[in-house]
C-alpha atoms as a PDB file:
ATOM      1  CA  MET A   1     -13.682  90.334 -56.311  1.00  0.00           C
ATOM      2  CA  ALA A   2     -16.858  88.312 -56.562  1.00  0.00           C
ATOM      3  CA  ASP A   3     -18.103  86.974 -53.206  1.00  0.00           C
ATOM      4  CA  ASP A   4     -17.175  83.415 -54.104  1.00  0.00           C
ATOM      5  CA  ARG A   5     -14.169  84.047 -56.348  1.00  0.00           C
ATOM      6  CA  LEU A   6     -10.657  85.378 -55.762  1.00  0.00           C
ATOM      7  CA  HIS A   7      -8.168  86.362 -58.475  1.00  0.00           C
ATOM      8  CA  LEU A   8      -4.481  86.277 -57.604  1.00  0.00           C
ATOM      9  CA  GLU A   9      -1.736  87.513 -59.958  1.00  0.00           C
ATOM     10  CA  PHE A  10       1.924  86.703 -59.398  1.00  0.00           C
ATOM     11  CA  PHE A  11       3.803  88.846 -61.921  1.00  0.00           C
ATOM     12  CA  GLY A  12       2.078  87.354 -64.930  1.00  0.00           C
ATOM     13  CA  ALA A  13       0.909  84.032 -63.408  1.00  0.00           C
ATOM     14  CA  HIS A  14      -2.815  84.027 -62.692  1.00  0.00           C
ATOM     15  CA  LEU A  15      -4.801  81.890 -60.264  1.00  0.00           C
ATOM     16  CA  LEU A  16      -8.595  82.028 -59.932  1.00  0.00           C
ATOM     17  CA  ILE A  17     -10.033  80.418 -56.767  1.00  0.00           C
ATOM     18  CA  GLU A  18     -13.696  79.613 -56.191  1.00  0.00           C
ATOM     19  CA  GLY A  19     -14.996  78.711 -52.747  1.00  0.00           C
ATOM     20  CA  ARG A  20     -16.719  79.816 -49.587  1.00  0.00           C
ATOM     21  CA  PRO A  21     -16.350  83.567 -48.899  1.00  0.00           C
ATOM     22  CA  ASP A  22     -14.903  82.987 -45.396  1.00  0.00           C
ATOM     23  CA  TRP A  23     -12.227  80.682 -46.870  1.00  0.00           C
ATOM     24  CA  LEU A  24     -11.368  83.235 -49.532  1.00  0.00           C
ATOM     25  CA  ASP A  25     -11.100  85.970 -46.862  1.00  0.00           C
ATOM     26  CA  THR A  26      -8.339  83.906 -45.262  1.00  0.00           C
ATOM     27  CA  LEU A  27      -6.498  83.780 -48.552  1.00  0.00           C
ATOM     28  CA  VAL A  28      -6.892  87.552 -49.085  1.00  0.00           C
ATOM     29  CA  ASP A  29      -5.047  88.049 -45.794  1.00  0.00           C
ATOM     30  CA  SER A  30      -2.324  85.566 -46.786  1.00  0.00           C
ATOM     31  CA  PHE A  31      -1.770  86.856 -50.349  1.00  0.00           C
ATOM     32  CA  ALA A  32      -2.719  90.517 -49.979  1.00  0.00           C
ATOM     33  CA  PRO A  33      -0.010  91.940 -52.328  1.00  0.00           C
ATOM     34  CA  PHE A  34      -1.241  89.695 -55.129  1.00  0.00           C
ATOM     35  CA  VAL A  35      -5.022  90.157 -54.950  1.00  0.00           C
ATOM     36  CA  SER A  36      -6.247  91.521 -58.282  1.00  0.00           C
ATOM     37  CA  GLN A  37      -9.546  93.302 -58.887  1.00  0.00           C
ATOM     38  CA  GLU A  38      -9.288  92.658 -62.633  1.00  0.00           C
ATOM     39  CA  THR A  39     -11.167  89.884 -64.348  1.00  0.00           C
ATOM     40  CA  ALA A  40      -9.009  86.779 -64.524  1.00  0.00           C
ATOM     41  CA  PRO A  41      -7.897  85.879 -68.075  1.00  0.00           C
ATOM     42  CA  PRO A  42      -9.298  82.695 -69.641  1.00  0.00           C
ATOM     43  CA  GLU A  43      -5.936  80.954 -69.305  1.00  0.00           C
ATOM     44  CA  ALA A  44      -5.824  81.503 -65.527  1.00  0.00           C
ATOM     45  CA  PHE A  45      -5.147  78.386 -63.441  1.00  0.00           C
ATOM     46  CA  PHE A  46      -8.378  77.447 -61.651  1.00  0.00           C
ATOM     47  CA  LEU A  47      -8.967  76.015 -58.178  1.00  0.00           C
ATOM     48  CA  LYS A  48     -12.383  74.971 -56.873  1.00  0.00           C
ATOM     49  CA  LEU A  49     -12.783  74.493 -53.095  1.00  0.00           C
ATOM     50  CA  GLU A  50     -15.639  72.290 -51.894  1.00  0.00           C
ATOM     51  CA  GLU A  51     -16.740  70.925 -48.544  1.00  0.00           C
ATOM     52  CA  THR A  52     -17.690  67.249 -48.540  1.00  0.00           C
ATOM     53  CA  ASP A  53     -18.665  64.451 -46.149  1.00  0.00           C
ATOM     54  CA  SER A  54     -16.481  61.897 -47.942  1.00  0.00           C
ATOM     55  CA  LEU A  55     -13.248  62.006 -49.919  1.00  0.00           C
ATOM     56  CA  SER A  56     -12.449  60.325 -53.203  1.00  0.00           C
ATOM     57  CA  PRO A  57      -9.870  57.549 -52.652  1.00  0.00           C
ATOM     58  CA  PRO A  58      -6.142  58.048 -53.179  1.00  0.00           C
ATOM     59  CA  PRO A  59      -5.066  57.574 -56.781  1.00  0.00           C
ATOM     60  CA  ASP A  60      -2.983  54.770 -58.244  1.00  0.00           C
ATOM     61  CA  MET A  61       0.072  56.949 -58.969  1.00  0.00           C
ATOM     62  CA  PRO A  62       3.704  57.071 -57.720  1.00  0.00           C
ATOM     63  CA  VAL A  63       4.249  58.842 -54.373  1.00  0.00           C
ATOM     64  CA  THR A  64       6.564  61.902 -54.489  1.00  0.00           C
ATOM     65  CA  TRP A  65       6.119  62.998 -50.851  1.00  0.00           C
ATOM     66  CA  ASP A  66       5.127  61.133 -47.718  1.00  0.00           C
ATOM     67  CA  GLY A  67       5.142  62.609 -44.211  1.00  0.00           C
ATOM     68  CA  LYS A  68       3.468  64.764 -41.619  1.00  0.00           C
ATOM     69  CA  LEU A  69       2.324  68.337 -42.176  1.00  0.00           C
ATOM     70  CA  PRO A  70       3.413  70.948 -39.569  1.00  0.00           C
ATOM     71  CA  GLU A  71       0.014  70.652 -37.886  1.00  0.00           C
ATOM     72  CA  GLY A  72       0.600  66.919 -37.447  1.00  0.00           C
ATOM     73  CA  HIS A  73      -1.689  65.516 -40.129  1.00  0.00           C
ATOM     74  CA  TYR A  74      -0.310  62.648 -42.181  1.00  0.00           C
ATOM     75  CA  SER A  75      -0.166  63.394 -45.913  1.00  0.00           C
ATOM     76  CA  LYS A  76       0.967  61.931 -49.216  1.00  0.00           C
ATOM     77  CA  ILE A  77       1.477  63.508 -52.638  1.00  0.00           C
ATOM     78  CA  TYR A  78       1.012  61.350 -55.703  1.00  0.00           C
ATOM     79  CA  GLU A  79       2.294  62.672 -59.024  1.00  0.00           C
ATOM     80  CA  SER A  80       2.622  61.882 -62.718  1.00  0.00           C
ATOM     81  CA  ASP A  81       3.627  64.043 -65.612  1.00  0.00           C
ATOM     82  CA  GLU A  82       0.002  65.108 -66.125  1.00  0.00           C
ATOM     83  CA  GLU A  83      -1.446  65.436 -62.631  1.00  0.00           C
ATOM     84  CA  ALA A  84      -0.856  65.424 -58.881  1.00  0.00           C
ATOM     85  CA  VAL A  85      -3.007  64.523 -55.881  1.00  0.00           C
ATOM     86  CA  GLN A  86      -2.374  65.486 -52.264  1.00  0.00           C
ATOM     87  CA  TYR A  87      -4.216  63.274 -49.795  1.00  0.00           C
ATOM     88  CA  VAL A  88      -4.444  64.368 -46.153  1.00  0.00           C
ATOM     89  CA  GLU A  89      -5.625  61.590 -43.856  1.00  0.00           C
ATOM     90  CA  ASN A  90      -9.416  61.740 -43.269  1.00  0.00           C
ATOM     91  CA  SER A  91      -9.285  65.445 -43.949  1.00  0.00           C
ATOM     92  CA  ALA A  92      -8.752  66.695 -47.473  1.00  0.00           C
ATOM     93  CA  ARG A  93      -7.979  65.681 -51.042  1.00  0.00           C
ATOM     94  CA  LEU A  94      -6.449  68.088 -53.599  1.00  0.00           C
ATOM     95  CA  HIS A  95      -6.303  67.169 -57.288  1.00  0.00           C
ATOM     96  CA  ILE A  96      -4.246  69.203 -59.758  1.00  0.00           C
ATOM     97  CA  SER A  97      -4.370  68.723 -63.518  1.00  0.00           C
ATOM     98  CA  TYR A  98      -1.299  70.299 -65.108  1.00  0.00           C
ATOM     99  CA  ASP A  99      -2.571  69.775 -68.648  1.00  0.00           C
ATOM    100  CA  THR A 100      -5.942  71.480 -68.146  1.00  0.00           C
ATOM    101  CA  ALA A 101      -4.762  74.052 -65.593  1.00  0.00           C
ATOM    102  CA  ARG A 102      -7.572  73.091 -63.276  1.00  0.00           C
ATOM    103  CA  SER A 103      -7.590  71.842 -59.688  1.00  0.00           C
ATOM    104  CA  GLU A 104     -10.163  70.818 -57.134  1.00  0.00           C
ATOM    105  CA  ALA A 105      -9.958  70.469 -53.351  1.00  0.00           C
ATOM    106  CA  GLN A 106     -12.356  68.329 -51.324  1.00  0.00           C
ATOM    107  CA  LEU A 107     -12.377  69.293 -47.647  1.00  0.00           C
ATOM    108  CA  MET A 108     -14.041  67.524 -44.760  1.00  0.00           C
ATOM    109  CA  PRO A 109     -15.873  69.768 -42.254  1.00  0.00           C
ATOM    110  CA  GLY A 110     -13.332  71.650 -40.142  1.00  0.00           C
ATOM    111  CA  ALA A 111     -10.389  70.852 -42.443  1.00  0.00           C
ATOM    112  CA  TRP A 112      -9.825  74.317 -43.859  1.00  0.00           C
ATOM    113  CA  ARG A 113      -7.820  75.711 -40.928  1.00  0.00           C
ATOM    114  CA  HIS A 114      -4.955  73.237 -41.324  1.00  0.00           C
ATOM    115  CA  PHE A 115      -5.291  72.733 -45.090  1.00  0.00           C
ATOM    116  CA  HIS A 116      -5.444  76.206 -46.596  1.00  0.00           C
ATOM    117  CA  LEU A 117      -1.897  77.524 -46.902  1.00  0.00           C
ATOM    118  CA  LEU A 118       0.273  74.441 -47.385  1.00  0.00           C
ATOM    119  CA  SER A 119      -2.022  72.934 -49.967  1.00  0.00           C
ATOM    120  CA  ILE A 120      -2.873  76.181 -51.670  1.00  0.00           C
ATOM    121  CA  PHE A 121       0.823  76.699 -52.222  1.00  0.00           C
ATOM    122  CA  LEU A 122       0.878  73.499 -54.289  1.00  0.00           C
ATOM    123  CA  VAL A 123      -1.651  75.070 -56.624  1.00  0.00           C
ATOM    124  CA  VAL A 124       0.174  78.427 -56.582  1.00  0.00           C
ATOM    125  CA  SER A 125       3.341  76.535 -57.597  1.00  0.00           C
ATOM    126  CA  ALA A 126       1.541  74.808 -60.473  1.00  0.00           C
ATOM    127  CA  ALA A 127       0.043  78.123 -61.685  1.00  0.00           C
ATOM    128  CA  MET A 128       3.460  79.818 -61.538  1.00  0.00           C
ATOM    129  CA  ALA A 129       5.258  77.029 -63.365  1.00  0.00           C
ATOM    130  CA  ARG A 130       3.148  77.575 -66.492  1.00  0.00           C
ATOM    131  CA  ASP A 131       4.705  81.059 -66.742  1.00  0.00           C
ATOM    132  CA  GLY A 132       8.310  80.122 -65.991  1.00  0.00           C
ATOM    133  CA  LEU A 133       8.178  80.912 -62.270  1.00  0.00           C
ATOM    134  CA  HIS A 134       9.359  78.447 -59.631  1.00  0.00           C
ATOM    135  CA  LEU A 135       8.157  78.565 -56.016  1.00  0.00           C
ATOM    136  CA  LEU A 136      11.069  77.687 -53.716  1.00  0.00           C
ATOM    137  CA  HIS A 137      11.333  76.755 -50.065  1.00  0.00           C
ATOM    138  CA  ALA A 138      13.844  79.494 -49.224  1.00  0.00           C
ATOM    139  CA  ALA A 139      14.190  82.822 -47.402  1.00  0.00           C
ATOM    140  CA  CYS A 140      14.697  85.910 -49.502  1.00  0.00           C
ATOM    141  CA  LEU A 141      16.219  89.198 -48.346  1.00  0.00           C
ATOM    142  CA  THR A 142      17.465  92.322 -50.141  1.00  0.00           C
ATOM    143  CA  HIS A 143      21.052  93.344 -49.406  1.00  0.00           C
ATOM    144  CA  ASP A 144      20.853  97.046 -48.609  1.00  0.00           C
ATOM    145  CA  ALA A 145      24.395  97.831 -49.765  1.00  0.00           C
ATOM    146  CA  THR A 146      24.245  96.264 -53.240  1.00  0.00           C
ATOM    147  CA  GLY A 147      20.471  96.061 -53.880  1.00  0.00           C
ATOM    148  CA  ARG A 148      20.828  92.332 -54.793  1.00  0.00           C
ATOM    149  CA  GLU A 149      18.798  89.502 -53.331  1.00  0.00           C
ATOM    150  CA  LEU A 150      20.053  86.794 -51.000  1.00  0.00           C
ATOM    151  CA  LEU A 151      18.412  83.345 -50.925  1.00  0.00           C
ATOM    152  CA  ILE A 152      18.830  81.157 -47.826  1.00  0.00           C
ATOM    153  CA  PHE A 153      18.170  77.415 -48.076  1.00  0.00           C
ATOM    154  CA  VAL A 154      17.835  74.733 -45.463  1.00  0.00           C
ATOM    155  CA  LYS A 155      15.162  72.239 -44.419  1.00  0.00           C
ATOM    156  CA  SER A 156      12.316  73.319 -42.152  1.00  0.00           C
ATOM    157  CA  GLY A 157      13.605  73.759 -38.615  1.00  0.00           C
ATOM    158  CA  GLY A 158      17.151  74.426 -39.821  1.00  0.00           C
ATOM    159  CA  GLY A 159      17.301  78.112 -38.923  1.00  0.00           C
ATOM    160  CA  LYS A 160      15.914  80.136 -41.847  1.00  0.00           C
ATOM    161  CA  THR A 161      13.721  82.284 -39.638  1.00  0.00           C
ATOM    162  CA  THR A 162      16.416  82.968 -37.016  1.00  0.00           C
ATOM    163  CA  THR A 163      18.949  83.826 -39.711  1.00  0.00           C
ATOM    164  CA  SER A 164      16.468  85.973 -41.640  1.00  0.00           C
ATOM    165  CA  LEU A 165      15.551  87.975 -38.548  1.00  0.00           C
ATOM    166  CA  SER A 166      19.229  88.459 -37.660  1.00  0.00           C
ATOM    167  CA  LEU A 167      20.009  89.846 -41.103  1.00  0.00           C
ATOM    168  CA  ALA A 168      16.824  91.962 -41.287  1.00  0.00           C
ATOM    169  CA  HIS A 169      17.767  93.648 -38.024  1.00  0.00           C
ATOM    170  CA  LYS A 170      20.720  95.283 -39.785  1.00  0.00           C
ATOM    171  CA  GLY A 171      21.952  95.402 -43.373  1.00  0.00           C
ATOM    172  CA  PHE A 172      19.183  93.490 -45.117  1.00  0.00           C
ATOM    173  CA  THR A 173      15.450  93.962 -45.874  1.00  0.00           C
ATOM    174  CA  LEU A 174      13.204  90.968 -45.410  1.00  0.00           C
ATOM    175  CA  SER A 175      11.047  89.676 -48.256  1.00  0.00           C
ATOM    176  CA  THR A 176      10.150  86.230 -46.838  1.00  0.00           C
ATOM    177  CA  ASP A 177      11.617  83.600 -44.550  1.00  0.00           C
ATOM    178  CA  ASP A 178       9.986  80.691 -46.348  1.00  0.00           C
ATOM    179  CA  ALA A 179       8.450  81.173 -49.799  1.00  0.00           C
ATOM    180  CA  SER A 180      10.607  82.581 -52.596  1.00  0.00           C
ATOM    181  CA  VAL A 181      10.090  82.690 -56.357  1.00  0.00           C
ATOM    182  CA  LEU A 182      12.642  82.245 -59.184  1.00  0.00           C
ATOM    183  CA  HIS A 183      12.090  83.562 -62.730  1.00  0.00           C
ATOM    184  CA  GLU A 184      13.686  81.309 -65.363  1.00  0.00           C
ATOM    185  CA  ASN A 185      14.925  82.254 -68.854  1.00  0.00           C
ATOM    186  CA  THR A 186      16.176  85.713 -67.855  1.00  0.00           C
ATOM    187  CA  ASP A 187      19.610  87.183 -68.487  1.00  0.00           C
ATOM    188  CA  TRP A 188      20.268  87.023 -64.727  1.00  0.00           C
ATOM    189  CA  PRO A 189      18.335  85.055 -62.084  1.00  0.00           C
ATOM    190  CA  LEU A 190      15.443  87.189 -60.780  1.00  0.00           C
ATOM    191  CA  VAL A 191      13.867  86.344 -57.396  1.00  0.00           C
ATOM    192  CA  TRP A 192      11.355  87.729 -54.940  1.00  0.00           C
ATOM    193  CA  GLY A 193       9.524  86.630 -51.839  1.00  0.00           C
ATOM    194  CA  ILE A 194       5.913  86.029 -50.817  1.00  0.00           C
ATOM    195  CA  PRO A 195       5.454  87.812 -47.462  1.00  0.00           C
ATOM    196  CA  ARG A 196       4.067  85.457 -44.819  1.00  0.00           C
ATOM    197  CA  ALA A 197       3.585  85.531 -41.068  1.00  0.00           C
ATOM    198  CA  MET A 198       6.697  84.096 -39.450  1.00  0.00           C
ATOM    199  CA  LYS A 199       6.654  81.013 -37.241  1.00  0.00           C
ATOM    200  CA  VAL A 200       9.010  82.062 -34.496  1.00  0.00           C
ATOM    201  CA  HIS A 201      10.474  79.284 -32.318  1.00  0.00           C
ATOM    202  CA  PHE A 202      11.098  79.951 -28.639  1.00  0.00           C
ATOM    203  CA  ASN A 203      14.810  79.267 -29.308  1.00  0.00           C
ATOM    204  CA  THR A 204      14.749  82.114 -31.849  1.00  0.00           C
ATOM    205  CA  ALA A 205      13.283  84.402 -29.201  1.00  0.00           C
ATOM    206  CA  ARG A 206      16.075  83.316 -26.826  1.00  0.00           C
ATOM    207  CA  LEU A 207      18.836  83.899 -29.387  1.00  0.00           C
ATOM    208  CA  LEU A 208      17.464  87.280 -30.457  1.00  0.00           C
ATOM    209  CA  PRO A 209      16.517  89.091 -27.225  1.00  0.00           C
ATOM    210  CA  TRP A 210      15.924  92.340 -29.126  1.00  0.00           C
ATOM    211  CA  LEU A 211      12.667  90.783 -30.386  1.00  0.00           C
ATOM    212  CA  GLY A 212      11.306  91.429 -26.899  1.00  0.00           C
ATOM    213  CA  GLU A 213       8.891  89.396 -24.811  1.00  0.00           C
ATOM    214  CA  PHE A 214       6.526  86.963 -26.484  1.00  0.00           C
ATOM    215  CA  PRO A 215       3.170  85.868 -25.026  1.00  0.00           C
ATOM    216  CA  GLU A 216       3.043  82.358 -23.570  1.00  0.00           C
ATOM    217  CA  ALA A 217       1.307  81.029 -26.663  1.00  0.00           C
ATOM    218  CA  TRP A 218       3.842  78.461 -27.925  1.00  0.00           C
ATOM    219  CA  ASN A 219       2.303  75.496 -29.727  1.00  0.00           C
ATOM    220  CA  ARG A 220       3.395  71.900 -29.166  1.00  0.00           C
ATOM    221  CA  PHE A 221       6.288  72.481 -31.569  1.00  0.00           C
ATOM    222  CA  GLY A 222       7.542  75.434 -29.514  1.00  0.00           C
ATOM    223  CA  GLU A 223       6.438  77.951 -32.159  1.00  0.00           C
ATOM    224  CA  GLN A 224       4.003  80.846 -32.529  1.00  0.00           C
ATOM    225  CA  SER A 225       2.907  82.756 -35.591  1.00  0.00           C
ATOM    226  CA  VAL A 226       3.972  86.390 -35.699  1.00  0.00           C
ATOM    227  CA  PRO A 227       2.463  88.785 -38.333  1.00  0.00           C
ATOM    228  CA  LEU A 228       5.100  90.670 -40.264  1.00  0.00           C
ATOM    229  CA  ALA A 229       3.497  94.000 -39.352  1.00  0.00           C
ATOM    230  CA  GLN A 230       4.264  93.195 -35.711  1.00  0.00           C
ATOM    231  CA  LEU A 231       7.977  92.989 -36.515  1.00  0.00           C
ATOM    232  CA  GLU A 232       8.356  96.125 -38.680  1.00  0.00           C
ATOM    233  CA  GLY A 233       9.490  98.328 -35.821  1.00  0.00           C
ATOM    234  CA  LEU A 234      12.293  95.863 -35.110  1.00  0.00           C
ATOM    235  CA  ILE A 235      13.480  94.870 -38.587  1.00  0.00           C
ATOM    236  CA  GLY A 236      12.295  97.831 -40.739  1.00  0.00           C
ATOM    237  CA  MET A 237       9.729  97.680 -43.485  1.00  0.00           C
ATOM    238  CA  VAL A 238       9.139  94.322 -45.161  1.00  0.00           C
ATOM    239  CA  ASP A 239      10.131  94.517 -48.820  1.00  0.00           C
ATOM    240  CA  THR A 240       7.334  94.930 -51.355  1.00  0.00           C
ATOM    241  CA  PRO A 241       7.380  91.895 -53.654  1.00  0.00           C
ATOM    242  CA  ARG A 242       9.176  92.664 -56.934  1.00  0.00           C
ATOM    243  CA  PRO A 243      11.500  90.635 -59.177  1.00  0.00           C
ATOM    244  CA  ASN A 244      15.118  91.638 -58.497  1.00  0.00           C
ATOM    245  CA  LYS A 245      18.582  90.307 -59.371  1.00  0.00           C
ATOM    246  CA  LEU A 246      19.912  87.500 -57.248  1.00  0.00           C
ATOM    247  CA  GLY A 247      23.252  88.270 -55.597  1.00  0.00           C
ATOM    248  CA  ALA A 248      24.161  85.139 -53.627  1.00  0.00           C
ATOM    249  CA  ILE A 249      22.917  81.825 -52.263  1.00  0.00           C
ATOM    250  CA  VAL A 250      23.601  80.667 -48.699  1.00  0.00           C
ATOM    251  CA  PHE A 251      22.973  77.117 -47.474  1.00  0.00           C
ATOM    252  CA  LEU A 252      22.743  76.791 -43.688  1.00  0.00           C
ATOM    253  CA  GLY A 253      25.021  74.135 -42.200  1.00  0.00           C
ATOM    254  CA  GLU A 254      25.697  73.041 -38.666  1.00  0.00           C
ATOM    255  CA  ARG A 255      26.098  75.796 -36.047  1.00  0.00           C
ATOM    256  CA  SER A 256      29.635  76.848 -35.126  1.00  0.00           C
ATOM    257  CA  SER A 257      30.707  76.846 -31.471  1.00  0.00           C
ATOM    258  CA  GLY A 258      32.877  79.919 -32.074  1.00  0.00           C
ATOM    259  CA  ASP A 259      32.924  82.546 -34.812  1.00  0.00           C
ATOM    260  CA  HIS A 260      30.717  82.515 -37.919  1.00  0.00           C
ATOM    261  CA  ILE A 261      32.177  80.459 -40.746  1.00  0.00           C
ATOM    262  CA  LEU A 262      31.106  81.430 -44.268  1.00  0.00           C
ATOM    263  CA  ARG A 263      32.843  79.335 -46.875  1.00  0.00           C
ATOM    264  CA  PRO A 264      32.399  78.965 -50.645  1.00  0.00           C
ATOM    265  CA  MET A 265      30.204  75.967 -51.410  1.00  0.00           C
ATOM    266  CA  PRO A 266      30.962  73.878 -54.508  1.00  0.00           C
ATOM    267  CA  LYS A 267      28.249  74.370 -57.105  1.00  0.00           C
ATOM    268  CA  GLY A 268      27.425  70.666 -57.355  1.00  0.00           C
ATOM    269  CA  ASP A 269      27.038  70.351 -53.576  1.00  0.00           C
ATOM    270  CA  ALA A 270      24.835  73.469 -53.476  1.00  0.00           C
ATOM    271  CA  LEU A 271      22.596  72.194 -56.282  1.00  0.00           C
ATOM    272  CA  VAL A 272      22.131  68.815 -54.604  1.00  0.00           C
ATOM    273  CA  ALA A 273      21.368  70.408 -51.228  1.00  0.00           C
ATOM    274  CA  ILE A 274      18.815  72.815 -52.732  1.00  0.00           C
ATOM    275  CA  ALA A 275      17.192  70.185 -54.992  1.00  0.00           C
ATOM    276  CA  HIS A 276      16.819  67.776 -52.085  1.00  0.00           C
ATOM    277  CA  ASP A 277      14.240  70.100 -50.528  1.00  0.00           C
ATOM    278  CA  ASN A 278      12.814  71.663 -53.689  1.00  0.00           C
ATOM    279  CA  VAL A 279      12.465  68.934 -56.332  1.00  0.00           C
ATOM    280  CA  ALA A 280       9.979  66.064 -55.980  1.00  0.00           C
ATOM    281  CA  TRP A 281      11.274  62.555 -56.722  1.00  0.00           C
ATOM    282  CA  ARG A 282       9.832  59.072 -56.929  1.00  0.00           C
ATOM    283  CA  PRO A 283      11.353  55.573 -57.251  1.00  0.00           C
ATOM    284  CA  ALA A 284      10.758  55.654 -61.003  1.00  0.00           C
ATOM    285  CA  GLY A 285      12.721  58.917 -61.300  1.00  0.00           C
ATOM    286  CA  MET A 286      11.780  62.554 -61.664  1.00  0.00           C
ATOM    287  CA  THR A 287       8.731  63.625 -63.642  1.00  0.00           C
ATOM    288  CA  SER A 288       9.303  65.884 -66.635  1.00  0.00           C
ATOM    289  CA  ARG A 289       8.116  68.835 -64.513  1.00  0.00           C
ATOM    290  CA  ALA A 290      10.642  67.959 -61.805  1.00  0.00           C
ATOM    291  CA  GLN A 291      13.402  67.666 -64.413  1.00  0.00           C
ATOM    292  CA  HIS A 292      12.528  71.113 -65.753  1.00  0.00           C
ATOM    293  CA  ARG A 293      12.606  72.515 -62.221  1.00  0.00           C
ATOM    294  CA  PHE A 294      15.952  70.927 -61.540  1.00  0.00           C
ATOM    295  CA  SER A 295      17.340  72.495 -64.701  1.00  0.00           C
ATOM    296  CA  ALA A 296      16.128  75.947 -63.600  1.00  0.00           C
ATOM    297  CA  LEU A 297      17.798  75.490 -60.229  1.00  0.00           C
ATOM    298  CA  ALA A 298      21.038  74.401 -61.919  1.00  0.00           C
ATOM    299  CA  ASP A 299      21.068  77.586 -64.048  1.00  0.00           C
ATOM    300  CA  MET A 300      20.425  79.677 -60.910  1.00  0.00           C
ATOM    301  CA  VAL A 301      23.229  78.051 -58.936  1.00  0.00           C
ATOM    302  CA  ALA A 302      25.654  78.423 -61.854  1.00  0.00           C
ATOM    303  CA  SER A 303      25.028  82.193 -62.080  1.00  0.00           C
ATOM    304  CA  VAL A 304      25.809  83.425 -58.531  1.00  0.00           C
ATOM    305  CA  PRO A 305      28.220  82.780 -55.665  1.00  0.00           C
ATOM    306  CA  THR A 306      27.180  79.941 -53.363  1.00  0.00           C
ATOM    307  CA  PHE A 307      28.168  79.721 -49.698  1.00  0.00           C
ATOM    308  CA  GLU A 308      27.739  77.407 -46.757  1.00  0.00           C
ATOM    309  CA  LEU A 309      27.221  79.144 -43.409  1.00  0.00           C
ATOM    310  CA  SER A 310      27.962  77.783 -39.981  1.00  0.00           C
ATOM    311  CA  ALA A 311      26.579  80.515 -37.771  1.00  0.00           C
ATOM    312  CA  GLY A 312      28.330  81.213 -34.475  1.00  0.00           C
ATOM    313  CA  GLU A 313      26.991  82.351 -31.159  1.00  0.00           C
ATOM    314  CA  ASN A 314      27.026  86.136 -31.740  1.00  0.00           C
ATOM    315  CA  LEU A 315      24.222  86.633 -34.216  1.00  0.00           C
ATOM    316  CA  ASP A 316      24.627  90.418 -33.969  1.00  0.00           C
ATOM    317  CA  THR A 317      27.692  90.177 -36.233  1.00  0.00           C
ATOM    318  CA  LEU A 318      26.179  87.786 -38.788  1.00  0.00           C
ATOM    319  CA  SER A 319      24.930  90.532 -41.088  1.00  0.00           C
ATOM    320  CA  ASP A 320      28.450  92.025 -41.377  1.00  0.00           C
ATOM    321  CA  VAL A 321      29.919  88.677 -42.435  1.00  0.00           C
ATOM    322  CA  ILE A 322      27.387  87.976 -45.187  1.00  0.00           C
ATOM    323  CA  SER A 323      27.248  91.615 -46.286  1.00  0.00           C
ATOM    324  CA  SER A 324      31.027  91.735 -46.806  1.00  0.00           C
ATOM    325  CA  ALA A 325      30.928  88.517 -48.859  1.00  0.00           C
ATOM    326  CA  MET A 326      28.139  89.805 -51.130  1.00  0.00           C
ATOM    327  CA  THR A 327      29.841  93.160 -51.616  1.00  0.00           C
ATOM    328  CA  ALA A 328      33.138  91.495 -52.500  1.00  0.00           C
ATOM    329  CA  ALA A 329      31.457  89.091 -54.919  1.00  0.00           C
ATOM    330  CA  LEU A 330      29.703  91.935 -56.755  1.00  0.00           C
ATOM    331  CA  ARG A 331      32.974  93.891 -56.902  1.00  0.00           C
ATOM    332  CA  VAL A 332      34.654  91.138 -58.866  1.00  0.00           C
ATOM    333  CA  GLY A 333      31.774  90.831 -61.278  1.00  0.00           C
ATOM    334  CA  ALA A 334      29.796  87.934 -59.788  1.00  0.00           C
END
């Protein structure tokens, strides 16, 4: 790659990023499987990263997200059919033009370390959407017995990482615990995961003692980042990203005080639960992009078995429960 440019390719979706070499080096580490040495095509989505001493003001557009980022910075996302702006308080401003496939990020000095991944993923999502790919907040694992993919949905902090590690320890191969991708307009839903370092909570370490001892490096949220390579001896090799057939969807519910409870989840309930965390909304209704995304999710949910899981205390047996359900579903032609 050029010193100030990085080309990422996500199975046909291209993103060209221009910025400081040290910033791009961070992204190379985060998106290593997708770094391309080829020249980006003219239609590639473009992102320019710039440091600035002052930010352009927030736009006069409807708000589709309002809250705190994991690092604690307050943020809003404004969106119309044509464009979106993420504004991070006194820190950064990201503008995305869907029509022109161009985006620009203004960053105050020192802002990169808490801006880069969460905001870059907004641009990655926009670049993917142009090619019929949808970035989802979900864990993705390959079921070793059937070769099909499992998607796990729940809000942040709801147990995706703990569940993913439990399954990857036996019977499943991890793709991601957080960032999955859905291909639309295929004969069968195809999904894959973007490998990322896992944010392991100290409660996860307590529930899964086979993970071993962790250094006393917990942040104020009780988490620490663990590179996937550090876990490979415990959960096997992390799956190489590749589109594969979806086998089942699991939505994590409240924990069970006894045995695991895996029950069929009505399709409508599953779609609402998934869309709540994966489709932007505003008081005026969904944008046309959000409506298209909702339709793709509806097609996905309609195609495969959907379950709600209340995980019990013995996480060592969780893999057997989900594996049996996926094998039985495939046997009857699901």
